Amino acid sequence: MTTLLEVYNQTDYSNSRPAVRDILEDLQLLNFKRDRDGKIQSFHFHFSYKGKEYTLQHYFLFHWQGIDNWFKLKKPSFFSLLPFQLKDDDLCKLSEELMRAVNKWNQTQHKIS
């Protein structure tokens, strides 16, 4: 059975934005969860970055004017520093890049079943 980490490590991120690509090179995607609460959908990316584990939560709401995005980053402890500082636009791009691996991983899971 192929793991999400294996699929993530095989995904080519060389065409990503430089700020996002630098993070992706030091990141290991460990787990993913998708939730929906009414109209709000969320992606939860559990990853390790430079030896510490984090969860990036990407919440979004589709509406007639576009999409509202907001993010939360859960750190290993209250006093640890954020692993990176990105603008919301770059956080959206990071989430999009991580979803490439998640989607490929989901495809491998369906082939096995």
PDB file of N, CA and C in Angstrom:
ATOM      1  N   MET A   1       0.847  -1.190   0.000  1.00  0.00           N
ATOM      2  CA  MET A   1       0.000   0.000   0.000  1.00  0.00           C
ATOM      3  C   MET A   1       0.888   1.248   0.000  1.00  0.00           C
ATOM      4  N   THR A   2       0.630   2.152  -0.899  1.00  0.00           N
ATOM      5  CA  THR A   2       1.406   3.384  -1.035  1.00  0.00           C
ATOM      6  C   THR A   2       0.975   4.390   0.023  1.00  0.00           C
ATOM      7  N   THR A   3       1.948   5.016   0.676  1.00  0.00           N
ATOM      8  CA  THR A   3       1.636   6.016   1.698  1.00  0.00           C
ATOM      9  C   THR A   3       1.584   7.405   1.082  1.00  0.00           C
ATOM     10  N   LEU A   4       0.952   8.308   1.784  1.00  0.00           N
ATOM     11  CA  LEU A   4       0.887   9.701   1.344  1.00  0.00           C
ATOM     12  C   LEU A   4       2.291  10.290   1.266  1.00  0.00           C
ATOM     13  N   LEU A   5       3.140   9.971   2.209  1.00  0.00           N
ATOM     14  CA  LEU A   5       4.507  10.480   2.197  1.00  0.00           C
ATOM     15  C   LEU A   5       5.265  10.011   0.957  1.00  0.00           C
ATOM     16  N   GLU A   6       5.074   8.752   0.565  1.00  0.00           N
ATOM     17  CA  GLU A   6       5.732   8.241  -0.635  1.00  0.00           C
ATOM     18  C   GLU A   6       5.273   9.002  -1.881  1.00  0.00           C
ATOM     19  N   VAL A   7       3.974   9.242  -1.978  1.00  0.00           N
ATOM     20  CA  VAL A   7       3.437   9.980  -3.124  1.00  0.00           C
ATOM     21  C   VAL A   7       3.956  11.417  -3.091  1.00  0.00           C
ATOM     22  N   TYR A   8       3.958  12.032  -1.920  1.00  0.00           N
ATOM     23  CA  TYR A   8       4.459  13.399  -1.783  1.00  0.00           C
ATOM     24  C   TYR A   8       5.922  13.489  -2.247  1.00  0.00           C
ATOM     25  N   ASN A   9       6.738  12.531  -1.832  1.00  0.00           N
ATOM     26  CA  ASN A   9       8.162  12.547  -2.191  1.00  0.00           C
ATOM     27  C   ASN A   9       8.386  12.337  -3.684  1.00  0.00           C
ATOM     28  N   GLN A  10       7.431  11.748  -4.381  1.00  0.00           N
ATOM     29  CA  GLN A  10       7.559  11.507  -5.823  1.00  0.00           C
ATOM     30  C   GLN A  10       6.965  12.646  -6.667  1.00  0.00           C
ATOM     31  N   THR A  11       6.321  13.604  -6.026  1.00  0.00           N
ATOM     32  CA  THR A  11       5.683  14.707  -6.745  1.00  0.00           C
ATOM     33  C   THR A  11       6.710  15.790  -7.052  1.00  0.00           C
ATOM     34  N   ASP A  12       6.683  16.293  -8.268  1.00  0.00           N
ATOM     35  CA  ASP A  12       7.624  17.315  -8.709  1.00  0.00           C
ATOM     36  C   ASP A  12       7.056  18.701  -8.405  1.00  0.00           C
ATOM     37  N   TYR A  13       7.752  19.425  -7.545  1.00  0.00           N
ATOM     38  CA  TYR A  13       7.330  20.781  -7.174  1.00  0.00           C
ATOM     39  C   TYR A  13       8.278  21.835  -7.740  1.00  0.00           C
ATOM     40  N   SER A  14       9.067  21.478  -8.734  1.00  0.00           N
ATOM     41  CA  SER A  14      10.086  22.389  -9.256  1.00  0.00           C
ATOM     42  C   SER A  14       9.504  23.649  -9.908  1.00  0.00           C
ATOM     43  N   ASN A  15       8.255  23.596 -10.338  1.00  0.00           N
ATOM     44  CA  ASN A  15       7.635  24.770 -10.973  1.00  0.00           C
ATOM     45  C   ASN A  15       6.831  25.621  -9.996  1.00  0.00           C
ATOM     46  N   SER A  16       6.902  25.317  -8.715  1.00  0.00           N
ATOM     47  CA  SER A  16       6.178  26.102  -7.711  1.00  0.00           C
ATOM     48  C   SER A  16       6.824  27.467  -7.523  1.00  0.00           C
ATOM     49  N   ARG A  17       6.086  28.378  -6.932  1.00  0.00           N
ATOM     50  CA  ARG A  17       6.648  29.687  -6.582  1.00  0.00           C
ATOM     51  C   ARG A  17       7.865  29.476  -5.687  1.00  0.00           C
ATOM     52  N   PRO A  18       8.884  30.297  -5.825  1.00  0.00           N
ATOM     53  CA  PRO A  18      10.108  30.096  -5.036  1.00  0.00           C
ATOM     54  C   PRO A  18       9.868  30.019  -3.519  1.00  0.00           C
ATOM     55  N   ALA A  19       9.053  30.899  -2.961  1.00  0.00           N
ATOM     56  CA  ALA A  19       8.810  30.882  -1.513  1.00  0.00           C
ATOM     57  C   ALA A  19       8.137  29.581  -1.080  1.00  0.00           C
ATOM     58  N   VAL A  20       7.219  29.094  -1.899  1.00  0.00           N
ATOM     59  CA  VAL A  20       6.501  27.853  -1.602  1.00  0.00           C
ATOM     60  C   VAL A  20       7.403  26.645  -1.857  1.00  0.00           C
ATOM     61  N   ARG A  21       8.141  26.675  -2.943  1.00  0.00           N
ATOM     62  CA  ARG A  21       9.040  25.566  -3.286  1.00  0.00           C
ATOM     63  C   ARG A  21      10.085  25.343  -2.191  1.00  0.00           C
ATOM     64  N   ASP A  22      10.634  26.423  -1.636  1.00  0.00           N
ATOM     65  CA  ASP A  22      11.626  26.294  -0.564  1.00  0.00           C
ATOM     66  C   ASP A  22      11.051  25.551   0.639  1.00  0.00           C
ATOM     67  N   ILE A  23       9.792  25.804   0.947  1.00  0.00           N
ATOM     68  CA  ILE A  23       9.128  25.113   2.062  1.00  0.00           C
ATOM     69  C   ILE A  23       8.865  23.662   1.697  1.00  0.00           C
ATOM     70  N   LEU A  24       8.361  23.421   0.494  1.00  0.00           N
ATOM     71  CA  LEU A  24       8.036  22.060   0.063  1.00  0.00           C
ATOM     72  C   LEU A  24       9.267  21.154   0.085  1.00  0.00           C
ATOM     73  N   GLU A  25      10.439  21.717  -0.169  1.00  0.00           N
ATOM     74  CA  GLU A  25      11.673  20.923  -0.172  1.00  0.00           C
ATOM     75  C   GLU A  25      12.030  20.402   1.215  1.00  0.00           C
ATOM     76  N   ASP A  26      11.638  21.137   2.270  1.00  0.00           N
ATOM     77  CA  ASP A  26      11.954  20.733   3.646  1.00  0.00           C
ATOM     78  C   ASP A  26      10.763  20.116   4.374  1.00  0.00           C
ATOM     79  N   LEU A  27       9.667  19.924   3.676  1.00  0.00           N
ATOM     80  CA  LEU A  27       8.420  19.454   4.282  1.00  0.00           C
ATOM     81  C   LEU A  27       8.206  17.989   3.929  1.00  0.00           C
ATOM     82  N   GLN A  28       7.603  17.250   4.851  1.00  0.00           N
ATOM     83  CA  GLN A  28       7.182  15.876   4.593  1.00  0.00           C
ATOM     84  C   GLN A  28       5.715  15.762   4.976  1.00  0.00           C
ATOM     85  N   LEU A  29       4.874  15.497   3.998  1.00  0.00           N
ATOM     86  CA  LEU A  29       3.429  15.401   4.219  1.00  0.00           C
ATOM     87  C   LEU A  29       3.102  14.036   4.811  1.00  0.00           C
ATOM     88  N   LEU A  30       2.558  14.032   6.021  1.00  0.00           N
ATOM     89  CA  LEU A  30       2.330  12.789   6.755  1.00  0.00           C
ATOM     90  C   LEU A  30       0.888  12.307   6.711  1.00  0.00           C
ATOM     91  N   ASN A  31      -0.063  13.250   6.723  1.00  0.00           N
ATOM     92  CA  ASN A  31      -1.467  12.857   6.778  1.00  0.00           C
ATOM     93  C   ASN A  31      -2.327  14.001   6.254  1.00  0.00           C
ATOM     94  N   PHE A  32      -3.539  13.658   5.898  1.00  0.00           N
ATOM     95  CA  PHE A  32      -4.486  14.635   5.363  1.00  0.00           C
ATOM     96  C   PHE A  32      -5.885  14.270   5.805  1.00  0.00           C
ATOM     97  N   LYS A  33      -6.673  15.307   6.098  1.00  0.00           N
ATOM     98  CA  LYS A  33      -8.083  15.109   6.451  1.00  0.00           C
ATOM     99  C   LYS A  33      -8.882  16.248   5.830  1.00  0.00           C
ATOM    100  N   ARG A  34     -10.067  15.912   5.348  1.00  0.00           N
ATOM    101  CA  ARG A  34     -10.967  16.902   4.740  1.00  0.00           C
ATOM    102  C   ARG A  34     -12.242  16.924   5.573  1.00  0.00           C
ATOM    103  N   ASP A  35     -12.746  18.110   5.861  1.00  0.00           N
ATOM    104  CA  ASP A  35     -13.984  18.267   6.625  1.00  0.00           C
ATOM    105  C   ASP A  35     -14.898  19.271   5.939  1.00  0.00           C
ATOM    106  N   ARG A  36     -16.168  19.154   6.263  1.00  0.00           N
ATOM    107  CA  ARG A  36     -17.153  20.136   5.804  1.00  0.00           C
ATOM    108  C   ARG A  36     -18.087  20.415   6.967  1.00  0.00           C
ATOM    109  N   ASP A  37     -18.292  21.719   7.221  1.00  0.00           N
ATOM    110  CA  ASP A  37     -19.224  22.154   8.249  1.00  0.00           C
ATOM    111  C   ASP A  37     -20.143  23.178   7.598  1.00  0.00           C
ATOM    112  N   GLY A  38     -21.289  22.703   7.131  1.00  0.00           N
ATOM    113  CA  GLY A  38     -22.190  23.579   6.381  1.00  0.00           C
ATOM    114  C   GLY A  38     -21.538  23.989   5.080  1.00  0.00           C
ATOM    115  N   LYS A  39     -21.406  25.291   4.872  1.00  0.00           N
ATOM    116  CA  LYS A  39     -20.807  25.788   3.638  1.00  0.00           C
ATOM    117  C   LYS A  39     -19.286  25.908   3.731  1.00  0.00           C
ATOM    118  N   ILE A  40     -18.740  25.716   4.898  1.00  0.00           N
ATOM    119  CA  ILE A  40     -17.291  25.862   5.089  1.00  0.00           C
ATOM    120  C   ILE A  40     -16.620  24.507   4.934  1.00  0.00           C
ATOM    121  N   GLN A  41     -15.647  24.462   4.047  1.00  0.00           N
ATOM    122  CA  GLN A  41     -14.875  23.242   3.831  1.00  0.00           C
ATOM    123  C   GLN A  41     -13.465  23.486   4.375  1.00  0.00           C
ATOM    124  N   SER A  42     -12.822  22.420   4.847  1.00  0.00           N
ATOM    125  CA  SER A  42     -11.466  22.586   5.362  1.00  0.00           C
ATOM    126  C   SER A  42     -10.589  21.405   4.987  1.00  0.00           C
ATOM    127  N   PHE A  43      -9.324  21.717   4.771  1.00  0.00           N
ATOM    128  CA  PHE A  43      -8.282  20.724   4.540  1.00  0.00           C
ATOM    129  C   PHE A  43      -7.316  20.820   5.720  1.00  0.00           C
ATOM    130  N   HIS A  44      -6.928  19.679   6.246  1.00  0.00           N
ATOM    131  CA  HIS A  44      -5.980  19.624   7.362  1.00  0.00           C
ATOM    132  C   HIS A  44      -4.773  18.822   6.891  1.00  0.00           C
ATOM    133  N   PHE A  45      -3.644  19.509   6.734  1.00  0.00           N
ATOM    134  CA  PHE A  45      -2.412  18.882   6.282  1.00  0.00           C
ATOM    135  C   PHE A  45      -1.494  18.693   7.484  1.00  0.00           C
ATOM    136  N   HIS A  46      -1.236  17.456   7.857  1.00  0.00           N
ATOM    137  CA  HIS A  46      -0.314  17.153   8.954  1.00  0.00           C
ATOM    138  C   HIS A  46       1.040  16.861   8.317  1.00  0.00           C
ATOM    139  N   PHE A  47       2.067  17.598   8.743  1.00  0.00           N
ATOM    140  CA  PHE A  47       3.372  17.463   8.111  1.00  0.00           C
ATOM    141  C   PHE A  47       4.494  17.685   9.117  1.00  0.00           C
ATOM    142  N   SER A  48       5.682  17.253   8.728  1.00  0.00           N
ATOM    143  CA  SER A  48       6.860  17.606   9.512  1.00  0.00           C
ATOM    144  C   SER A  48       7.666  18.599   8.686  1.00  0.00           C
ATOM    145  N   TYR A  49       8.277  19.527   9.386  1.00  0.00           N
ATOM    146  CA  TYR A  49       9.080  20.562   8.758  1.00  0.00           C
ATOM    147  C   TYR A  49      10.286  20.811   9.644  1.00  0.00           C
ATOM    148  N   LYS A  50      11.452  20.480   9.114  1.00  0.00           N
ATOM    149  CA  LYS A  50      12.708  20.645   9.847  1.00  0.00           C
ATOM    150  C   LYS A  50      12.652  19.974  11.215  1.00  0.00           C
ATOM    151  N   GLY A  51      12.109  18.735  11.234  1.00  0.00           N
ATOM    152  CA  GLY A  51      12.124  17.923  12.441  1.00  0.00           C
ATOM    153  C   GLY A  51      10.979  18.121  13.410  1.00  0.00           C
ATOM    154  N   LYS A  52      10.078  19.048  13.153  1.00  0.00           N
ATOM    155  CA  LYS A  52       8.930  19.274  14.042  1.00  0.00           C
ATOM    156  C   LYS A  52       7.648  19.066  13.254  1.00  0.00           C
ATOM    157  N   GLU A  53       6.618  18.582  13.942  1.00  0.00           N
ATOM    158  CA  GLU A  53       5.344  18.312  13.276  1.00  0.00           C
ATOM    159  C   GLU A  53       4.352  19.451  13.482  1.00  0.00           C
ATOM    160  N   TYR A  54       3.606  19.720  12.428  1.00  0.00           N
ATOM    161  CA  TYR A  54       2.624  20.803  12.416  1.00  0.00           C
ATOM    162  C   TYR A  54       1.371  20.331  11.686  1.00  0.00           C
ATOM    163  N   THR A  55       0.289  21.080  11.851  1.00  0.00           N
ATOM    164  CA  THR A  55      -0.912  20.881  11.056  1.00  0.00           C
ATOM    165  C   THR A  55      -1.329  22.223  10.491  1.00  0.00           C
ATOM    166  N   LEU A  56      -1.384  22.298   9.172  1.00  0.00           N
ATOM    167  CA  LEU A  56      -1.881  23.484   8.488  1.00  0.00           C
ATOM    168  C   LEU A  56      -3.352  23.239   8.176  1.00  0.00           C
ATOM    169  N   GLN A  57      -4.204  24.107   8.692  1.00  0.00           N
ATOM    170  CA  GLN A  57      -5.631  24.002   8.428  1.00  0.00           C
ATOM    171  C   GLN A  57      -6.020  25.108   7.463  1.00  0.00           C
ATOM    172  N   HIS A  58      -6.556  24.714   6.320  1.00  0.00           N
ATOM    173  CA  HIS A  58      -6.995  25.651   5.294  1.00  0.00           C
ATOM    174  C   HIS A  58      -8.516  25.588   5.239  1.00  0.00           C
ATOM    175  N   TYR A  59      -9.164  26.665   5.642  1.00  0.00           N
ATOM    176  CA  TYR A  59     -10.626  26.766   5.613  1.00  0.00           C
ATOM    177  C   TYR A  59     -11.020  27.641   4.439  1.00  0.00           C
ATOM    178  N   PHE A  60     -12.097  27.267   3.764  1.00  0.00           N
ATOM    179  CA  PHE A  60     -12.565  28.114   2.684  1.00  0.00           C
ATOM    180  C   PHE A  60     -14.075  28.023   2.541  1.00  0.00           C
ATOM    181  N   LEU A  61     -14.608  29.125   2.045  1.00  0.00           N
ATOM    182  CA  LEU A  61     -16.043  29.282   1.845  1.00  0.00           C
ATOM    183  C   LEU A  61     -16.262  29.818   0.436  1.00  0.00           C
ATOM    184  N   PHE A  62     -17.004  29.051  -0.358  1.00  0.00           N
ATOM    185  CA  PHE A  62     -17.368  29.490  -1.704  1.00  0.00           C
ATOM    186  C   PHE A  62     -18.633  30.328  -1.613  1.00  0.00           C
ATOM    187  N   HIS A  63     -18.653  31.470  -2.285  1.00  0.00           N
ATOM    188  CA  HIS A  63     -19.862  32.290  -2.358  1.00  0.00           C
ATOM    189  C   HIS A  63     -19.885  32.994  -3.698  1.00  0.00           C
ATOM    190  N   TRP A  64     -20.929  33.725  -3.972  1.00  0.00           N
ATOM    191  CA  TRP A  64     -21.137  34.287  -5.301  1.00  0.00           C
ATOM    192  C   TRP A  64     -20.078  35.302  -5.695  1.00  0.00           C
ATOM    193  N   GLN A  65     -19.352  35.884  -4.745  1.00  0.00           N
ATOM    194  CA  GLN A  65     -18.313  36.863  -5.071  1.00  0.00           C
ATOM    195  C   GLN A  65     -16.935  36.228  -5.180  1.00  0.00           C
ATOM    196  N   GLY A  66     -16.805  34.968  -4.846  1.00  0.00           N
ATOM    197  CA  GLY A  66     -15.499  34.316  -4.918  1.00  0.00           C
ATOM    198  C   GLY A  66     -15.322  33.323  -3.792  1.00  0.00           C
ATOM    199  N   ILE A  67     -14.103  33.227  -3.316  1.00  0.00           N
ATOM    200  CA  ILE A  67     -13.761  32.286  -2.254  1.00  0.00           C
ATOM    201  C   ILE A  67     -13.071  33.038  -1.124  1.00  0.00           C
ATOM    202  N   ASP A  68     -13.531  32.810   0.093  1.00  0.00           N
ATOM    203  CA  ASP A  68     -12.841  33.337   1.276  1.00  0.00           C
ATOM    204  C   ASP A  68     -11.960  32.225   1.824  1.00  0.00           C
ATOM    205  N   ASN A  69     -10.694  32.541   2.056  1.00  0.00           N
ATOM    206  CA  ASN A  69      -9.741  31.580   2.604  1.00  0.00           C
ATOM    207  C   ASN A  69      -9.219  32.096   3.936  1.00  0.00           C
ATOM    208  N   TRP A  70      -9.028  31.199   4.882  1.00  0.00           N
ATOM    209  CA  TRP A  70      -8.316  31.540   6.098  1.00  0.00           C
ATOM    210  C   TRP A  70      -7.568  30.306   6.582  1.00  0.00           C
ATOM    211  N   PHE A  71      -6.536  30.543   7.366  1.00  0.00           N
ATOM    212  CA  PHE A  71      -5.599  29.490   7.730  1.00  0.00           C
ATOM    213  C   PHE A  71      -5.313  29.496   9.220  1.00  0.00           C
ATOM    214  N   LYS A  72      -5.035  28.305   9.742  1.00  0.00           N
ATOM    215  CA  LYS A  72      -4.540  28.130  11.113  1.00  0.00           C
ATOM    216  C   LYS A  72      -3.365  27.170  11.027  1.00  0.00           C
ATOM    217  N   LEU A  73      -2.350  27.430  11.799  1.00  0.00           N
ATOM    218  CA  LEU A  73      -1.205  26.541  11.859  1.00  0.00           C
ATOM    219  C   LEU A  73      -1.049  26.072  13.293  1.00  0.00           C
ATOM    220  N   LYS A  74      -1.222  24.773  13.512  1.00  0.00           N
ATOM    221  CA  LYS A  74      -1.050  24.211  14.849  1.00  0.00           C
ATOM    222  C   LYS A  74       0.403  23.788  14.999  1.00  0.00           C
ATOM    223  N   LYS A  75       1.015  24.294  16.057  1.00  0.00           N
ATOM    224  CA  LYS A  75       2.430  24.048  16.300  1.00  0.00           C
ATOM    225  C   LYS A  75       2.589  22.942  17.341  1.00  0.00           C
ATOM    226  N   PRO A  76       3.824  22.409  17.447  1.00  0.00           N
ATOM    227  CA  PRO A  76       4.042  21.347  18.433  1.00  0.00           C
ATOM    228  C   PRO A  76       3.916  21.838  19.875  1.00  0.00           C
ATOM    229  N   SER A  77       4.220  23.088  20.133  1.00  0.00           N
ATOM    230  CA  SER A  77       4.032  23.619  21.483  1.00  0.00           C
ATOM    231  C   SER A  77       3.696  25.098  21.387  1.00  0.00           C
ATOM    232  N   PHE A  78       3.146  25.615  22.436  1.00  0.00           N
ATOM    233  CA  PHE A  78       2.704  27.000  22.479  1.00  0.00           C
ATOM    234  C   PHE A  78       3.862  27.965  22.222  1.00  0.00           C
ATOM    235  N   PHE A  79       5.055  27.606  22.661  1.00  0.00           N
ATOM    236  CA  PHE A  79       6.187  28.524  22.600  1.00  0.00           C
ATOM    237  C   PHE A  79       7.053  28.349  21.354  1.00  0.00           C
ATOM    238  N   SER A  80       6.755  27.380  20.503  1.00  0.00           N
ATOM    239  CA  SER A  80       7.580  27.201  19.310  1.00  0.00           C
ATOM    240  C   SER A  80       7.244  28.276  18.281  1.00  0.00           C
ATOM    241  N   LEU A  81       8.242  28.639  17.502  1.00  0.00           N
ATOM    242  CA  LEU A  81       8.053  29.650  16.464  1.00  0.00           C
ATOM    243  C   LEU A  81       7.361  29.038  15.259  1.00  0.00           C
ATOM    244  N   LEU A  82       6.675  29.870  14.507  1.00  0.00           N
ATOM    245  CA  LEU A  82       6.064  29.402  13.263  1.00  0.00           C
ATOM    246  C   LEU A  82       7.173  28.951  12.324  1.00  0.00           C
ATOM    247  N   PRO A  83       6.934  27.897  11.578  1.00  0.00           N
ATOM    248  CA  PRO A  83       7.999  27.396  10.704  1.00  0.00           C
ATOM    249  C   PRO A  83       8.267  28.298   9.505  1.00  0.00           C
ATOM    250  N   PHE A  84       7.286  29.081   9.118  1.00  0.00           N
ATOM    251  CA  PHE A  84       7.465  29.955   7.968  1.00  0.00           C
ATOM    252  C   PHE A  84       6.411  31.047   8.022  1.00  0.00           C
ATOM    253  N   GLN A  85       6.729  32.161   7.390  1.00  0.00           N
ATOM    254  CA  GLN A  85       5.786  33.279   7.306  1.00  0.00           C
ATOM    255  C   GLN A  85       5.421  33.474   5.844  1.00  0.00           C
ATOM    256  N   LEU A  86       4.163  33.236   5.505  1.00  0.00           N
ATOM    257  CA  LEU A  86       3.696  33.398   4.128  1.00  0.00           C
ATOM    258  C   LEU A  86       2.448  34.271   4.112  1.00  0.00           C
ATOM    259  N   LYS A  87       2.273  34.990   3.036  1.00  0.00           N
ATOM    260  CA  LYS A  87       1.036  35.738   2.818  1.00  0.00           C
ATOM    261  C   LYS A  87      -0.063  34.738   2.484  1.00  0.00           C
ATOM    262  N   ASP A  88      -1.323  35.156   2.624  1.00  0.00           N
ATOM    263  CA  ASP A  88      -2.451  34.261   2.345  1.00  0.00           C
ATOM    264  C   ASP A  88      -2.396  33.697   0.931  1.00  0.00           C
ATOM    265  N   ASP A  89      -1.974  34.501  -0.028  1.00  0.00           N
ATOM    266  CA  ASP A  89      -1.886  34.036  -1.409  1.00  0.00           C
ATOM    267  C   ASP A  89      -0.889  32.874  -1.527  1.00  0.00           C
ATOM    268  N   ASP A  90       0.240  32.992  -0.829  1.00  0.00           N
ATOM    269  CA  ASP A  90       1.230  31.914  -0.851  1.00  0.00           C
ATOM    270  C   ASP A  90       0.748  30.703  -0.052  1.00  0.00           C
ATOM    271  N   LEU A  91      -0.003  30.930   1.022  1.00  0.00           N
ATOM    272  CA  LEU A  91      -0.577  29.806   1.768  1.00  0.00           C
ATOM    273  C   LEU A  91      -1.586  29.049   0.903  1.00  0.00           C
ATOM    274  N   CYS A  92      -2.363  29.768   0.097  1.00  0.00           N
ATOM    275  CA  CYS A  92      -3.290  29.112  -0.839  1.00  0.00           C
ATOM    276  C   CYS A  92      -2.511  28.269  -1.834  1.00  0.00           C
ATOM    277  N   LYS A  93      -1.396  28.804  -2.332  1.00  0.00           N
ATOM    278  CA  LYS A  93      -0.577  28.066  -3.288  1.00  0.00           C
ATOM    279  C   LYS A  93       0.050  26.838  -2.623  1.00  0.00           C
ATOM    280  N   LEU A  94       0.497  26.972  -1.379  1.00  0.00           N
ATOM    281  CA  LEU A  94       1.044  25.835  -0.643  1.00  0.00           C
ATOM    282  C   LEU A  94      -0.013  24.748  -0.488  1.00  0.00           C
ATOM    283  N   SER A  95      -1.223  25.125  -0.110  1.00  0.00           N
ATOM    284  CA  SER A  95      -2.323  24.170   0.023  1.00  0.00           C
ATOM    285  C   SER A  95      -2.610  23.493  -1.316  1.00  0.00           C
ATOM    286  N   GLU A  96      -2.607  24.267  -2.377  1.00  0.00           N
ATOM    287  CA  GLU A  96      -2.851  23.721  -3.719  1.00  0.00           C
ATOM    288  C   GLU A  96      -1.774  22.701  -4.093  1.00  0.00           C
ATOM    289  N   GLU A  97      -0.530  23.015  -3.798  1.00  0.00           N
ATOM    290  CA  GLU A  97       0.570  22.096  -4.115  1.00  0.00           C
ATOM    291  C   GLU A  97       0.471  20.818  -3.280  1.00  0.00           C
ATOM    292  N   LEU A  98       0.133  20.945  -2.007  1.00  0.00           N
ATOM    293  CA  LEU A  98      -0.019  19.760  -1.162  1.00  0.00           C
ATOM    294  C   LEU A  98      -1.179  18.893  -1.649  1.00  0.00           C
ATOM    295  N   MET A  99      -2.229  19.538  -2.162  1.00  0.00           N
ATOM    296  CA  MET A  99      -3.381  18.781  -2.673  1.00  0.00           C
ATOM    297  C   MET A  99      -3.014  17.962  -3.908  1.00  0.00           C
ATOM    298  N   ARG A 100      -2.004  18.380  -4.649  1.00  0.00           N
ATOM    299  CA  ARG A 100      -1.564  17.576  -5.803  1.00  0.00           C
ATOM    300  C   ARG A 100      -1.149  16.184  -5.329  1.00  0.00           C
ATOM    301  N   ALA A 101      -0.381  16.123  -4.253  1.00  0.00           N
ATOM    302  CA  ALA A 101       0.043  14.824  -3.711  1.00  0.00           C
ATOM    303  C   ALA A 101      -1.154  14.071  -3.131  1.00  0.00           C
ATOM    304  N   VAL A 102      -2.036  14.777  -2.432  1.00  0.00           N
ATOM    305  CA  VAL A 102      -3.213  14.131  -1.847  1.00  0.00           C
ATOM    306  C   VAL A 102      -4.077  13.504  -2.940  1.00  0.00           C
ATOM    307  N   ASN A 103      -4.296  14.241  -4.032  1.00  0.00           N
ATOM    308  CA  ASN A 103      -5.122  13.718  -5.125  1.00  0.00           C
ATOM    309  C   ASN A 103      -4.481  12.498  -5.786  1.00  0.00           C
ATOM    310  N   LYS A 104      -3.166  12.544  -5.992  1.00  0.00           N
ATOM    311  CA  LYS A 104      -2.465  11.377  -6.556  1.00  0.00           C
ATOM    312  C   LYS A 104      -2.562  10.190  -5.605  1.00  0.00           C
ATOM    313  N   TRP A 105      -2.418  10.443  -4.318  1.00  0.00           N
ATOM    314  CA  TRP A 105      -2.495   9.385  -3.303  1.00  0.00           C
ATOM    315  C   TRP A 105      -3.893   8.763  -3.300  1.00  0.00           C
ATOM    316  N   ASN A 106      -4.914   9.620  -3.371  1.00  0.00           N
ATOM    317  CA  ASN A 106      -6.305   9.116  -3.416  1.00  0.00           C
ATOM    318  C   ASN A 106      -6.522   8.221  -4.626  1.00  0.00           C
ATOM    319  N   GLN A 107      -5.937   8.567  -5.755  1.00  0.00           N
ATOM    320  CA  GLN A 107      -6.060   7.741  -6.959  1.00  0.00           C
ATOM    321  C   GLN A 107      -5.416   6.375  -6.753  1.00  0.00           C
ATOM    322  N   THR A 108      -4.285   6.313  -6.065  1.00  0.00           N
ATOM    323  CA  THR A 108      -3.639   5.020  -5.820  1.00  0.00           C
ATOM    324  C   THR A 108      -4.474   4.177  -4.871  1.00  0.00           C
ATOM    325  N   GLN A 109      -5.164   4.797  -3.939  1.00  0.00           N
ATOM    326  CA  GLN A 109      -5.983   4.058  -2.981  1.00  0.00           C
ATOM    327  C   GLN A 109      -7.183   3.414  -3.674  1.00  0.00           C
ATOM    328  N   HIS A 110      -7.761   4.106  -4.657  1.00  0.00           N
ATOM    329  CA  HIS A 110      -8.918   3.572  -5.383  1.00  0.00           C
ATOM    330  C   HIS A 110      -8.520   2.415  -6.295  1.00  0.00           C
ATOM    331  N   LYS A 111      -7.303   2.431  -6.811  1.00  0.00           N
ATOM    332  CA  LYS A 111      -6.836   1.337  -7.679  1.00  0.00           C
ATOM    333  C   LYS A 111      -6.658   0.064  -6.895  1.00  0.00           C
ATOM    334  N   ILE A 112      -6.281   0.191  -5.597  1.00  0.00           N
ATOM    335  CA  ILE A 112      -6.041  -0.982  -4.752  1.00  0.00           C
ATOM    336  C   ILE A 112      -7.357  -1.625  -4.334  1.00  0.00           C
ATOM    337  N   SER A 113      -8.362  -0.796  -4.043  1.00  0.00           N
ATOM    338  CA  SER A 113      -9.646  -1.309  -3.528  1.00  0.00           C
ATOM    339  C   SER A 113     -10.379  -2.155  -4.519  1.00  0.00           C
TER     340      SER A 113
END
